[in-house]
PDB file of N, CA and C in Angstrom:
ATOM      1  N   UNK A   1       0.901  -1.217  -0.162  1.00  0.00           N
ATOM      2  CA  UNK A   1      -0.005   0.205   0.107  1.00  0.00           C
ATOM      3  C   UNK A   1       0.675   1.333   0.187  1.00  0.00           C
ATOM      4  N   UNK A   2       0.550   2.053  -0.808  1.00  0.00           N
ATOM      5  CA  UNK A   2       1.431   3.334  -0.950  1.00  0.00           C
ATOM      6  C   UNK A   2       1.060   4.599  -0.132  1.00  0.00           C
ATOM      7  N   UNK A   3       1.659   4.906   0.296  1.00  0.00           N
ATOM      8  CA  UNK A   3       1.000   6.748   1.387  1.00  0.00           C
ATOM      9  C   UNK A   3       1.265   7.765   0.593  1.00  0.00           C
ATOM     10  N   UNK A   4       0.027   8.510   0.702  1.00  0.00           N
ATOM     11  CA  UNK A   4       0.447   9.883   0.115  1.00  0.00           C
ATOM     12  C   UNK A   4       0.626  10.819   0.928  1.00  0.00           C
ATOM     13  N   UNK A   5       1.501  11.554   0.511  1.00  0.00           N
ATOM     14  CA  UNK A   5       2.252  12.503   1.090  1.00  0.00           C
ATOM     15  C   UNK A   5       1.384  13.823   1.293  1.00  0.00           C
ATOM     16  N   UNK A   6       1.151  14.610   2.126  1.00  0.00           N
ATOM     17  CA  UNK A   6       0.242  16.042   2.444  1.00  0.00           C
ATOM     18  C   UNK A   6       1.257  16.767   2.143  1.00  0.00           C
ATOM     19  N   UNK A   7       0.388  17.770   2.199  1.00  0.00           N
ATOM     20  CA  UNK A   7       1.088  19.190   1.775  1.00  0.00           C
ATOM     21  C   UNK A   7       1.647  19.661   3.484  1.00  0.00           C
ATOM     22  N   UNK A   8       2.896  19.999   2.972  1.00  0.00           N
ATOM     23  CA  UNK A   8       3.377  20.938   4.854  1.00  0.00           C
ATOM     24  C   UNK A   8       2.063  21.295   5.485  1.00  0.00           C
ATOM     25  N   UNK A   9       1.944  21.383   6.695  1.00  0.00           N
ATOM     26  CA  UNK A   9       1.140  22.054   7.662  1.00  0.00           C
ATOM     27  C   UNK A   9       2.074  23.198   7.920  1.00  0.00           C
ATOM     28  N   UNK A  10       1.116  24.479   7.400  1.00  0.00           N
ATOM     29  CA  UNK A  10       1.449  25.897   7.419  1.00  0.00           C
ATOM     30  C   UNK A  10       1.597  26.695   9.189  1.00  0.00           C
ATOM     31  N   UNK A  11       1.294  25.587   9.871  1.00  0.00           N
ATOM     32  CA  UNK A  11       1.211  26.114  11.490  1.00  0.00           C
ATOM     33  C   UNK A  11       2.676  25.183  12.030  1.00  0.00           C
ATOM     34  N   UNK A  12       3.222  24.081  11.497  1.00  0.00           N
ATOM     35  CA  UNK A  12       4.016  23.291  11.410  1.00  0.00           C
ATOM     36  C   UNK A  12       5.595  24.088  12.326  1.00  0.00           C
ATOM     37  N   UNK A  13       5.656  25.265  11.446  1.00  0.00           N
ATOM     38  CA  UNK A  13       7.106  25.901  11.278  1.00  0.00           C
ATOM     39  C   UNK A  13       6.634  27.724  11.868  1.00  0.00           C
ATOM     40  N   UNK A  14       5.671  27.554  12.474  1.00  0.00           N
ATOM     41  CA  UNK A  14       5.199  29.013  13.332  1.00  0.00           C
ATOM     42  C   UNK A  14       5.841  28.944  14.735  1.00  0.00           C
ATOM     43  N   UNK A  15       5.863  30.161  14.960  1.00  0.00           N
ATOM     44  CA  UNK A  15       7.036  30.985  15.792  1.00  0.00           C
ATOM     45  C   UNK A  15       5.998  30.669  16.937  1.00  0.00           C
ATOM     46  N   UNK A  16       4.690  30.593  16.746  1.00  0.00           N
ATOM     47  CA  UNK A  16       3.503  30.326  17.982  1.00  0.00           C
ATOM     48  C   UNK A  16       3.162  28.777  18.196  1.00  0.00           C
ATOM     49  N   UNK A  17       3.988  28.136  17.310  1.00  0.00           N
ATOM     50  CA  UNK A  17       3.570  26.453  17.793  1.00  0.00           C
ATOM     51  C   UNK A  17       4.740  25.834  18.267  1.00  0.00           C
ATOM     52  N   UNK A  18       5.860  26.758  18.571  1.00  0.00           N
ATOM     53  CA  UNK A  18       7.232  26.227  18.974  1.00  0.00           C
ATOM     54  C   UNK A  18       6.885  26.065  20.296  1.00  0.00           C
ATOM     55  N   UNK A  19       7.511  24.943  21.490  1.00  0.00           N
ATOM     56  CA  UNK A  19       7.285  25.281  22.806  1.00  0.00           C
ATOM     57  C   UNK A  19       8.271  26.141  23.199  1.00  0.00           C
ATOM     58  N   UNK A  20       9.333  26.748  22.964  1.00  0.00           N
ATOM     59  CA  UNK A  20       9.758  27.294  23.459  1.00  0.00           C
ATOM     60  C   UNK A  20       9.691  28.495  23.611  1.00  0.00           C
ATOM     61  N   UNK A  21       8.626  29.176  22.863  1.00  0.00           N
ATOM     62  CA  UNK A  21       7.566  30.297  22.489  1.00  0.00           C
ATOM     63  C   UNK A  21       6.571  30.290  23.811  1.00  0.00           C
ATOM     64  N   UNK A  22       6.408  29.641  24.730  1.00  0.00           N
ATOM     65  CA  UNK A  22       5.356  29.528  25.860  1.00  0.00           C
ATOM     66  C   UNK A  22       4.380  28.619  25.202  1.00  0.00           C
ATOM     67  N   UNK A  23       4.338  27.771  24.321  1.00  0.00           N
ATOM     68  CA  UNK A  23       3.076  26.807  24.061  1.00  0.00           C
ATOM     69  C   UNK A  23       2.856  26.902  22.799  1.00  0.00           C
ATOM     70  N   UNK A  24       1.829  26.271  22.260  1.00  0.00           N
ATOM     71  CA  UNK A  24       1.371  25.897  21.121  1.00  0.00           C
ATOM     72  C   UNK A  24       0.187  26.773  21.023  1.00  0.00           C
ATOM     73  N   UNK A  25      -0.388  27.569  21.804  1.00  0.00           N
ATOM     74  CA  UNK A  25      -1.325  28.118  21.729  1.00  0.00           C
ATOM     75  C   UNK A  25      -1.193  29.853  21.774  1.00  0.00           C
ATOM     76  N   UNK A  26      -2.082  30.445  21.134  1.00  0.00           N
ATOM     77  CA  UNK A  26      -1.370  31.924  21.126  1.00  0.00           C
ATOM     78  C   UNK A  26      -3.012  33.029  21.039  1.00  0.00           C
ATOM     79  N   UNK A  27      -3.114  34.207  21.285  1.00  0.00           N
ATOM     80  CA  UNK A  27      -4.465  35.005  21.610  1.00  0.00           C
ATOM     81  C   UNK A  27      -4.361  35.873  20.384  1.00  0.00           C
ATOM     82  N   UNK A  28      -4.914  36.449  19.321  1.00  0.00           N
ATOM     83  CA  UNK A  28      -4.901  37.196  18.503  1.00  0.00           C
ATOM     84  C   UNK A  28      -5.851  38.017  19.058  1.00  0.00           C
ATOM     85  N   UNK A  29      -5.489  39.446  18.979  1.00  0.00           N
ATOM     86  CA  UNK A  29      -6.651  40.748  19.215  1.00  0.00           C
ATOM     87  C   UNK A  29      -6.781  41.258  18.416  1.00  0.00           C
ATOM     88  N   UNK A  30      -7.876  41.909  17.908  1.00  0.00           N
ATOM     89  CA  UNK A  30      -8.377  42.537  16.980  1.00  0.00           C
ATOM     90  C   UNK A  30      -9.619  43.147  17.891  1.00  0.00           C
ATOM     91  N   UNK A  31      -9.686  44.655  17.208  1.00  0.00           N
ATOM     92  CA  UNK A  31     -10.191  45.403  17.738  1.00  0.00           C
ATOM     93  C   UNK A  31     -11.950  45.187  17.254  1.00  0.00           C
ATOM     94  N   UNK A  32     -12.887  45.244  17.411  1.00  0.00           N
ATOM     95  CA  UNK A  32     -14.117  45.079  17.048  1.00  0.00           C
ATOM     96  C   UNK A  32     -15.018  46.348  16.021  1.00  0.00           C
ATOM     97  N   UNK A  33     -15.432  45.641  15.312  1.00  0.00           N
ATOM     98  CA  UNK A  33     -15.380  46.617  14.197  1.00  0.00           C
ATOM     99  C   UNK A  33     -17.124  46.730  14.020  1.00  0.00           C
ATOM    100  N   UNK A  34     -18.180  47.682  14.235  1.00  0.00           N
ATOM    101  CA  UNK A  34     -19.281  47.616  13.883  1.00  0.00           C
ATOM    102  C   UNK A  34     -19.782  48.236  12.778  1.00  0.00           C
ATOM    103  N   UNK A  35     -20.413  48.103  11.861  1.00  0.00           N
ATOM    104  CA  UNK A  35     -21.152  48.753  10.431  1.00  0.00           C
ATOM    105  C   UNK A  35     -22.277  49.664  10.874  1.00  0.00           C
ATOM    106  N   UNK A  36     -22.244  50.346  11.893  1.00  0.00           N
ATOM    107  CA  UNK A  36     -22.977  51.287  12.183  1.00  0.00           C
ATOM    108  C   UNK A  36     -22.192  52.730  11.466  1.00  0.00           C
ATOM    109  N   UNK A  37     -23.564  53.472  10.768  1.00  0.00           N
ATOM    110  CA  UNK A  37     -22.974  54.434   9.939  1.00  0.00           C
ATOM    111  C   UNK A  37     -22.780  55.829  10.890  1.00  0.00           C
ATOM    112  N   UNK A  38     -23.798  56.097  11.983  1.00  0.00           N
ATOM    113  CA  UNK A  38     -23.596  57.014  12.943  1.00  0.00           C
ATOM    114  C   UNK A  38     -24.063  56.208  14.183  1.00  0.00           C
ATOM    115  N   UNK A  39     -23.396  56.716  15.283  1.00  0.00           N
ATOM    116  CA  UNK A  39     -24.065  56.365  16.778  1.00  0.00           C
ATOM    117  C   UNK A  39     -25.005  56.855  16.796  1.00  0.00           C
ATOM    118  N   UNK A  40     -25.598  56.617  18.049  1.00  0.00           N
ATOM    119  CA  UNK A  40     -26.774  56.920  18.499  1.00  0.00           C
ATOM    120  C   UNK A  40     -27.776  56.582  19.026  1.00  0.00           C
ATOM    121  N   UNK A  41     -28.883  56.929  19.091  1.00  0.00           N
ATOM    122  CA  UNK A  41     -29.989  56.372  19.517  1.00  0.00           C
ATOM    123  C   UNK A  41     -31.259  55.442  18.487  1.00  0.00           C
ATOM    124  N   UNK A  42     -30.561  55.230  17.436  1.00  0.00           N
ATOM    125  CA  UNK A  42     -31.057  54.812  16.748  1.00  0.00           C
ATOM    126  C   UNK A  42     -31.459  53.431  17.146  1.00  0.00           C
ATOM    127  N   UNK A  43     -30.843  52.412  17.651  1.00  0.00           N
ATOM    128  CA  UNK A  43     -31.641  51.541  18.677  1.00  0.00           C
ATOM    129  C   UNK A  43     -32.257  51.566  19.617  1.00  0.00           C
ATOM    130  N   UNK A  44     -32.925  52.625  20.086  1.00  0.00           N
ATOM    131  CA  UNK A  44     -33.689  52.958  21.045  1.00  0.00           C
ATOM    132  C   UNK A  44     -35.369  53.161  20.596  1.00  0.00           C
ATOM    133  N   UNK A  45     -34.914  53.596  19.028  1.00  0.00           N
ATOM    134  CA  UNK A  45     -36.324  54.274  18.532  1.00  0.00           C
ATOM    135  C   UNK A  45     -36.830  53.660  17.153  1.00  0.00           C
ATOM    136  N   UNK A  46     -38.029  53.833  16.786  1.00  0.00           N
ATOM    137  CA  UNK A  46     -38.216  53.017  15.704  1.00  0.00           C
ATOM    138  C   UNK A  46     -38.251  54.646  14.584  1.00  0.00           C
ATOM    139  N   UNK A  47     -37.627  54.474  13.497  1.00  0.00           N
ATOM    140  CA  UNK A  47     -37.572  55.770  12.628  1.00  0.00           C
ATOM    141  C   UNK A  47     -38.502  55.457  11.529  1.00  0.00           C
ATOM    142  N   UNK A  48     -38.993  56.777  10.906  1.00  0.00           N
ATOM    143  CA  UNK A  48     -39.848  56.679   9.427  1.00  0.00           C
ATOM    144  C   UNK A  48     -38.644  56.759   8.395  1.00  0.00           C
ATOM    145  N   UNK A  49     -38.850  55.791   7.642  1.00  0.00           N
ATOM    146  CA  UNK A  49     -37.993  55.727   6.561  1.00  0.00           C
ATOM    147  C   UNK A  49     -38.806  55.431   5.430  1.00  0.00           C
ATOM    148  N   UNK A  50     -38.605  55.887   3.974  1.00  0.00           N
ATOM    149  CA  UNK A  50     -39.222  55.703   3.120  1.00  0.00           C
ATOM    150  C   UNK A  50     -39.508  54.037   2.539  1.00  0.00           C
ATOM    151  N   UNK A  51     -40.409  53.792   2.190  1.00  0.00           N
ATOM    152  CA  UNK A  51     -40.833  52.301   2.167  1.00  0.00           C
ATOM    153  C   UNK A  51     -39.980  51.615   1.238  1.00  0.00           C
ATOM    154  N   UNK A  52     -39.172  51.860  -0.111  1.00  0.00           N
ATOM    155  CA  UNK A  52     -38.390  51.634  -0.728  1.00  0.00           C
ATOM    156  C   UNK A  52     -37.193  51.580  -0.624  1.00  0.00           C
ATOM    157  N   UNK A  53     -36.728  52.133   0.206  1.00  0.00           N
ATOM    158  CA  UNK A  53     -35.482  52.226   1.090  1.00  0.00           C
ATOM    159  C   UNK A  53     -35.475  51.150   2.009  1.00  0.00           C
ATOM    160  N   UNK A  54     -36.632  50.721   2.570  1.00  0.00           N
ATOM    161  CA  UNK A  54     -36.114  49.731   3.769  1.00  0.00           C
ATOM    162  C   UNK A  54     -36.250  48.427   2.613  1.00  0.00           C
ATOM    163  N   UNK A  55     -37.053  48.339   1.669  1.00  0.00           N
ATOM    164  CA  UNK A  55     -36.726  47.236   1.051  1.00  0.00           C
ATOM    165  C   UNK A  55     -35.530  47.174   0.049  1.00  0.00           C
ATOM    166  N   UNK A  56     -34.982  48.336  -0.310  1.00  0.00           N
ATOM    167  CA  UNK A  56     -33.549  48.283  -1.167  1.00  0.00           C
ATOM    168  C   UNK A  56     -32.568  47.626  -0.464  1.00  0.00           C
ATOM    169  N   UNK A  57     -32.691  48.347   0.806  1.00  0.00           N
ATOM    170  CA  UNK A  57     -31.854  48.017   2.227  1.00  0.00           C
ATOM    171  C   UNK A  57     -31.776  46.493   2.547  1.00  0.00           C
ATOM    172  N   UNK A  58     -32.646  46.142   2.536  1.00  0.00           N
ATOM    173  CA  UNK A  58     -32.966  44.636   2.669  1.00  0.00           C
ATOM    174  C   UNK A  58     -32.398  43.848   1.840  1.00  0.00           C
ATOM    175  N   UNK A  59     -32.204  44.073   0.208  1.00  0.00           N
ATOM    176  CA  UNK A  59     -31.914  43.399  -0.727  1.00  0.00           C
ATOM    177  C   UNK A  59     -30.567  43.857  -0.532  1.00  0.00           C
ATOM    178  N   UNK A  60     -29.808  45.045  -0.451  1.00  0.00           N
ATOM    179  CA  UNK A  60     -28.523  45.334  -0.832  1.00  0.00           C
ATOM    180  C   UNK A  60     -27.426  45.427   0.468  1.00  0.00           C
ATOM    181  N   UNK A  61     -28.044  45.595   1.459  1.00  0.00           N
ATOM    182  CA  UNK A  61     -27.697  45.542   3.115  1.00  0.00           C
ATOM    183  C   UNK A  61     -27.063  46.898   2.985  1.00  0.00           C
ATOM    184  N   UNK A  62     -27.260  47.688   2.359  1.00  0.00           N
ATOM    185  CA  UNK A  62     -27.012  49.267   2.185  1.00  0.00           C
ATOM    186  C   UNK A  62     -27.445  49.782   3.223  1.00  0.00           C
ATOM    187  N   UNK A  63     -27.027  51.173   4.140  1.00  0.00           N
ATOM    188  CA  UNK A  63     -28.086  51.581   5.248  1.00  0.00           C
ATOM    189  C   UNK A  63     -29.115  52.319   4.690  1.00  0.00           C
ATOM    190  N   UNK A  64     -29.913  52.934   5.446  1.00  0.00           N
ATOM    191  CA  UNK A  64     -31.050  53.889   5.081  1.00  0.00           C
ATOM    192  C   UNK A  64     -31.116  55.215   5.830  1.00  0.00           C
ATOM    193  N   UNK A  65     -31.428  56.258   5.768  1.00  0.00           N
ATOM    194  CA  UNK A  65     -31.308  57.184   6.420  1.00  0.00           C
ATOM    195  C   UNK A  65     -32.996  57.893   6.563  1.00  0.00           C
ATOM    196  N   UNK A  66     -33.054  58.137   8.099  1.00  0.00           N
ATOM    197  CA  UNK A  66     -34.487  58.399   8.385  1.00  0.00           C
ATOM    198  C   UNK A  66     -34.580  59.782   8.362  1.00  0.00           C
ATOM    199  N   UNK A  67     -35.778  60.243   8.330  1.00  0.00           N
ATOM    200  CA  UNK A  67     -36.074  61.523   8.616  1.00  0.00           C
ATOM    201  C   UNK A  67     -35.020  62.196   9.335  1.00  0.00           C
ATOM    202  N   UNK A  68     -35.349  61.797  10.810  1.00  0.00           N
ATOM    203  CA  UNK A  68     -34.467  62.633  11.386  1.00  0.00           C
ATOM    204  C   UNK A  68     -32.878  62.823  11.152  1.00  0.00           C
ATOM    205  N   UNK A  69     -32.137  62.125  10.308  1.00  0.00           N
ATOM    206  CA  UNK A  69     -30.928  62.148  10.114  1.00  0.00           C
ATOM    207  C   UNK A  69     -30.333  60.818  10.270  1.00  0.00           C
ATOM    208  N   UNK A  70     -30.832  59.918  11.159  1.00  0.00           N
ATOM    209  CA  UNK A  70     -30.275  58.793  11.690  1.00  0.00           C
ATOM    210  C   UNK A  70     -29.968  57.800  10.397  1.00  0.00           C
ATOM    211  N   UNK A  71     -28.682  57.471  10.584  1.00  0.00           N
ATOM    212  CA  UNK A  71     -28.181  56.414   9.302  1.00  0.00           C
ATOM    213  C   UNK A  71     -27.898  54.855   9.666  1.00  0.00           C
ATOM    214  N   UNK A  72     -28.353  53.884   9.330  1.00  0.00           N
ATOM    215  CA  UNK A  72     -28.090  52.749  10.123  1.00  0.00           C
ATOM    216  C   UNK A  72     -28.609  51.572   9.088  1.00  0.00           C
ATOM    217  N   UNK A  73     -28.099  50.250   9.242  1.00  0.00           N
ATOM    218  CA  UNK A  73     -29.057  49.166   8.649  1.00  0.00           C
ATOM    219  C   UNK A  73     -30.223  48.794   9.304  1.00  0.00           C
ATOM    220  N   UNK A  74     -31.115  48.877   8.933  1.00  0.00           N
ATOM    221  CA  UNK A  74     -32.399  48.188   9.375  1.00  0.00           C
ATOM    222  C   UNK A  74     -31.956  46.893   9.974  1.00  0.00           C
ATOM    223  N   UNK A  75     -32.684  46.188  11.061  1.00  0.00           N
ATOM    224  CA  UNK A  75     -32.480  44.683  10.991  1.00  0.00           C
ATOM    225  C   UNK A  75     -33.278  44.471  12.526  1.00  0.00           C
ATOM    226  N   UNK A  76     -34.263  45.155  13.059  1.00  0.00           N
ATOM    227  CA  UNK A  76     -35.101  44.996  14.101  1.00  0.00           C
ATOM    228  C   UNK A  76     -36.210  45.142  13.700  1.00  0.00           C
ATOM    229  N   UNK A  77     -37.686  44.648  14.493  1.00  0.00           N
ATOM    230  CA  UNK A  77     -39.116  44.979  14.385  1.00  0.00           C
ATOM    231  C   UNK A  77     -39.213  46.163  14.632  1.00  0.00           C
ATOM    232  N   UNK A  78     -39.761  46.994  13.959  1.00  0.00           N
ATOM    233  CA  UNK A  78     -39.830  48.536  14.546  1.00  0.00           C
ATOM    234  C   UNK A  78     -40.719  48.809  15.203  1.00  0.00           C
ATOM    235  N   UNK A  79     -41.998  47.552  15.408  1.00  0.00           N
ATOM    236  CA  UNK A  79     -43.021  47.564  16.118  1.00  0.00           C
ATOM    237  C   UNK A  79     -42.583  47.250  17.539  1.00  0.00           C
ATOM    238  N   UNK A  80     -41.427  47.092  17.828  1.00  0.00           N
ATOM    239  CA  UNK A  80     -41.078  46.429  19.420  1.00  0.00           C
ATOM    240  C   UNK A  80     -40.435  47.968  20.177  1.00  0.00           C
ATOM    241  N   UNK A  81     -40.619  49.059  19.322  1.00  0.00           N
ATOM    242  CA  UNK A  81     -39.849  50.220  19.765  1.00  0.00           C
ATOM    243  C   UNK A  81     -40.790  51.274  19.510  1.00  0.00           C
ATOM    244  N   UNK A  82     -40.687  52.362  20.356  1.00  0.00           N
ATOM    245  CA  UNK A  82     -40.980  53.858  20.432  1.00  0.00           C
ATOM    246  C   UNK A  82     -40.779  54.957  19.116  1.00  0.00           C
ATOM    247  N   UNK A  83     -41.990  55.263  18.463  1.00  0.00           N
ATOM    248  CA  UNK A  83     -41.366  56.261  17.535  1.00  0.00           C
ATOM    249  C   UNK A  83     -40.316  57.148  17.762  1.00  0.00           C
ATOM    250  N   UNK A  84     -39.466  57.598  17.037  1.00  0.00           N
ATOM    251  CA  UNK A  84     -37.977  58.424  16.973  1.00  0.00           C
ATOM    252  C   UNK A  84     -39.285  59.986  17.456  1.00  0.00           C
ATOM    253  N   UNK A  85     -38.814  60.521  18.166  1.00  0.00           N
ATOM    254  CA  UNK A  85     -39.674  62.134  18.777  1.00  0.00           C
ATOM    255  C   UNK A  85     -39.354  62.784  17.128  1.00  0.00           C
ATOM    256  N   UNK A  86     -38.428  63.226  17.132  1.00  0.00           N
ATOM    257  CA  UNK A  86     -37.449  63.770  16.042  1.00  0.00           C
ATOM    258  C   UNK A  86     -38.237  63.261  14.240  1.00  0.00           C
ATOM    259  N   UNK A  87     -38.501  62.214  14.647  1.00  0.00           N
ATOM    260  CA  UNK A  87     -38.533  61.580  12.873  1.00  0.00           C
ATOM    261  C   UNK A  87     -40.432  61.862  12.911  1.00  0.00           C
ATOM    262  N   UNK A  88     -41.056  61.905  14.006  1.00  0.00           N
ATOM    263  CA  UNK A  88     -42.532  61.752  14.254  1.00  0.00           C
ATOM    264  C   UNK A  88     -43.158  63.485  13.951  1.00  0.00           C
ATOM    265  N   UNK A  89     -42.073  64.475  14.755  1.00  0.00           N
ATOM    266  CA  UNK A  89     -42.191  65.927  14.548  1.00  0.00           C
ATOM    267  C   UNK A  89     -42.164  66.396  13.021  1.00  0.00           C
ATOM    268  N   UNK A  90     -41.095  65.852  12.212  1.00  0.00           N
ATOM    269  CA  UNK A  90     -40.720  66.167  11.117  1.00  0.00           C
ATOM    270  C   UNK A  90     -41.924  65.218  10.034  1.00  0.00           C
ATOM    271  N   UNK A  91     -42.252  64.415  10.291  1.00  0.00           N
ATOM    272  CA  UNK A  91     -43.388  63.681   9.179  1.00  0.00           C
ATOM    273  C   UNK A  91     -44.894  64.472   9.658  1.00  0.00           C
ATOM    274  N   UNK A  92     -44.651  65.142  11.111  1.00  0.00           N
ATOM    275  CA  UNK A  92     -46.079  65.866  11.237  1.00  0.00           C
ATOM    276  C   UNK A  92     -46.354  67.105  10.473  1.00  0.00           C
ATOM    277  N   UNK A  93     -44.828  67.517  10.209  1.00  0.00           N
ATOM    278  CA  UNK A  93     -44.961  68.845   9.761  1.00  0.00           C
ATOM    279  C   UNK A  93     -45.038  68.790   8.047  1.00  0.00           C
ATOM    280  N   UNK A  94     -44.452  67.932   7.636  1.00  0.00           N
ATOM    281  CA  UNK A  94     -44.462  67.213   6.017  1.00  0.00           C
ATOM    282  C   UNK A  94     -46.361  66.962   5.609  1.00  0.00           C
ATOM    283  N   UNK A  95     -46.778  66.523   6.955  1.00  0.00           N
ATOM    284  CA  UNK A  95     -48.329  66.245   6.786  1.00  0.00           C
ATOM    285  C   UNK A  95     -49.120  67.170   6.778  1.00  0.00           C
ATOM    286  N   UNK A  96     -48.634  68.472   7.297  1.00  0.00           N
ATOM    287  CA  UNK A  96     -49.342  69.373   7.463  1.00  0.00           C
ATOM    288  C   UNK A  96     -50.410  69.048   8.978  1.00  0.00           C
ATOM    289  N   UNK A  97     -49.641  68.087   9.853  1.00  0.00           N
ATOM    290  CA  UNK A  97     -50.794  67.679  10.737  1.00  0.00           C
ATOM    291  C   UNK A  97     -49.854  68.538  12.448  1.00  0.00           C
ATOM    292  N   UNK A  98     -49.118  69.130  12.333  1.00  0.00           N
ATOM    293  CA  UNK A  98     -48.403  69.941  13.535  1.00  0.00           C
ATOM    294  C   UNK A  98     -48.845  71.248  13.342  1.00  0.00           C
ATOM    295  N   UNK A  99     -49.391  71.798  13.774  1.00  0.00           N
ATOM    296  CA  UNK A  99     -49.664  73.341  13.677  1.00  0.00           C
ATOM    297  C   UNK A  99     -48.666  74.457  14.611  1.00  0.00           C
ATOM    298  N   UNK A 100     -47.963  73.911  15.290  1.00  0.00           N
ATOM    299  CA  UNK A 100     -46.558  74.287  16.069  1.00  0.00           C
ATOM    300  C   UNK A 100     -45.474  75.133  15.367  1.00  0.00           C
TER     301      UNK A 100
END
């Protein structure tokens, strides 16, 4: 029976695998990167966004811009959050429903 030779293990000659370097394990550290375009309270409120933009974001993964200016990628059920007061105010002004 003939044995097949495997390609060399890329970690075999790694300094991290050498016993003289404190063992065969190591921890890689990296900074957490979030895809939030703008930090803020968008996670605490449901915002007003054009329906076609929500659908486009669902298909492309691109962020949306709410009436209040918040930029984020939707992914939560808006029914579970209170309406953003800034979006509500702007929407009411656009509809002519706010006389103040």
